[in-house]
C-alpha atoms as a PDB file:
ATOM      1  CA  ILE A   1      95.795 144.328 -41.878  1.00  0.00           C
ATOM      2  CA  ALA A   2      98.242 146.926 -43.093  1.00  0.00           C
ATOM      3  CA  VAL A   3     100.251 147.381 -39.912  1.00  0.00           C
ATOM      4  CA  PRO A   4     103.177 145.396 -38.524  1.00  0.00           C
ATOM      5  CA  GLY A   5     102.227 142.612 -36.168  1.00  0.00           C
ATOM      6  CA  LEU A   6     103.844 140.509 -33.518  1.00  0.00           C
ATOM      7  CA  VAL A   7     102.295 137.198 -32.531  1.00  0.00           C
ATOM      8  CA  VAL A   8     103.847 135.776 -29.372  1.00  0.00           C
ATOM      9  CA  HIS A   9     102.741 132.321 -28.302  1.00  0.00           C
ATOM     10  CA  SER A  10     103.979 129.656 -25.931  1.00  0.00           C
ATOM     11  CA  SER A  11     104.400 126.184 -27.318  1.00  0.00           C
ATOM     12  CA  ASP A  12     103.060 124.737 -24.051  1.00  0.00           C
ATOM     13  CA  ASP A  13      99.806 126.752 -24.087  1.00  0.00           C
ATOM     14  CA  ALA A  14      97.130 124.252 -23.028  1.00  0.00           C
ATOM     15  CA  VAL A  15      94.265 126.601 -23.945  1.00  0.00           C
ATOM     16  CA  VAL A  16      95.137 127.783 -27.469  1.00  0.00           C
ATOM     17  CA  PRO A  17      97.172 125.483 -29.724  1.00  0.00           C
ATOM     18  CA  PHE A  18     100.384 126.842 -31.230  1.00  0.00           C
ATOM     19  CA  ARG A  19      99.049 126.080 -34.695  1.00  0.00           C
ATOM     20  CA  ASP A  20      96.455 128.843 -34.159  1.00  0.00           C
ATOM     21  CA  ALA A  21      99.267 131.372 -33.683  1.00  0.00           C
ATOM     22  CA  GLU A  22     100.928 130.018 -36.817  1.00  0.00           C
ATOM     23  CA  ALA A  23      97.692 130.496 -38.756  1.00  0.00           C
ATOM     24  CA  ILE A  24      97.289 134.073 -37.532  1.00  0.00           C
ATOM     25  CA  ALA A  25     100.864 134.966 -38.413  1.00  0.00           C
ATOM     26  CA  ALA A  26     100.545 133.327 -41.834  1.00  0.00           C
ATOM     27  CA  ALA A  27      97.357 135.241 -42.626  1.00  0.00           C
ATOM     28  CA  TRP A  28      98.767 138.578 -41.422  1.00  0.00           C
ATOM     29  CA  VAL A  29     101.129 139.889 -44.091  1.00  0.00           C
ATOM     30  CA  GLY A  30     104.243 141.221 -42.406  1.00  0.00           C
ATOM     31  CA  ALA A  31     103.554 139.684 -39.009  1.00  0.00           C
ATOM     32  CA  GLN A  32     106.307 138.085 -36.986  1.00  0.00           C
ATOM     33  CA  LEU A  33     105.704 134.922 -34.981  1.00  0.00           C
ATOM     34  CA  LYS A  34     107.781 134.440 -31.850  1.00  0.00           C
ATOM     35  CA  ARG A  35     107.620 131.121 -30.043  1.00  0.00           C
ATOM     36  CA  CYS A  36     108.065 131.119 -26.273  1.00  0.00           C
ATOM     37  CA  GLU A  37     108.738 128.120 -24.128  1.00  0.00           C
ATOM     38  CA  GLY A  38     107.426 127.279 -20.682  1.00  0.00           C
ATOM     39  CA  VAL A  39     105.111 130.216 -20.029  1.00  0.00           C
ATOM     40  CA  GLY A  40     101.791 128.605 -20.887  1.00  0.00           C
ATOM     41  CA  HIS A  41      98.636 130.573 -21.578  1.00  0.00           C
ATOM     42  CA  ARG A  42      98.635 133.164 -18.788  1.00  0.00           C
ATOM     43  CA  ARG A  43     102.217 133.515 -17.534  1.00  0.00           C
ATOM     44  CA  ILE A  44     103.241 134.775 -20.974  1.00  0.00           C
ATOM     45  CA  LEU A  45     101.842 138.210 -20.065  1.00  0.00           C
ATOM     46  CA  SER A  46     104.249 138.682 -17.177  1.00  0.00           C
ATOM     47  CA  ASP A  47     107.310 136.858 -18.476  1.00  0.00           C
ATOM     48  CA  PRO A  48     110.213 139.366 -18.488  1.00  0.00           C
ATOM     49  CA  ALA A  49     111.633 138.054 -21.766  1.00  0.00           C
ATOM     50  CA  VAL A  50     108.251 138.348 -23.498  1.00  0.00           C
ATOM     51  CA  VAL A  51     107.638 141.839 -22.096  1.00  0.00           C
ATOM     52  CA  ASP A  52     111.079 142.897 -23.359  1.00  0.00           C
ATOM     53  CA  LEU A  53     110.378 141.393 -26.792  1.00  0.00           C
ATOM     54  CA  VAL A  54     107.069 143.250 -27.086  1.00  0.00           C
ATOM     55  CA  LEU A  55     108.565 146.543 -25.896  1.00  0.00           C
ATOM     56  CA  ARG A  56     111.389 146.283 -28.438  1.00  0.00           C
ATOM     57  CA  PHE A  57     108.852 145.562 -31.199  1.00  0.00           C
ATOM     58  CA  VAL A  58     106.680 148.548 -30.259  1.00  0.00           C
ATOM     59  CA  GLU A  59     109.682 150.867 -29.903  1.00  0.00           C
ATOM     60  CA  ALA A  60     111.071 149.809 -33.282  1.00  0.00           C
ATOM     61  CA  ASP A  61     107.698 150.377 -34.937  1.00  0.00           C
ATOM     62  CA  ALA A  62     107.370 153.787 -33.269  1.00  0.00           C
ATOM     63  CA  HIS A  63     110.748 154.834 -34.692  1.00  0.00           C
ATOM     64  CA  VAL A  64     109.686 153.756 -38.187  1.00  0.00           C
ATOM     65  CA  ALA A  65     106.367 155.624 -37.885  1.00  0.00           C
ATOM     66  CA  GLN A  66     108.170 158.848 -36.909  1.00  0.00           C
ATOM     67  CA  ARG A  67     110.297 158.982 -40.055  1.00  0.00           C
ATOM     68  CA  PRO A  68     109.363 161.860 -42.401  1.00  0.00           C
END
């Protein structure tokens, strides 16, 4: 994949092990892996800190894409 990536995963996810997120980030050249704590599998989507992290990542990538 030739685009920047952000993998955000909670270490207490009881559905998908954290090692799966590590494997995805390792296989995706240029991806960042951010570990979250205490938001599990579903609460991660509405966690204010995670939402802020994702928005900052998308905004930063948008600024890079707009450069001439």
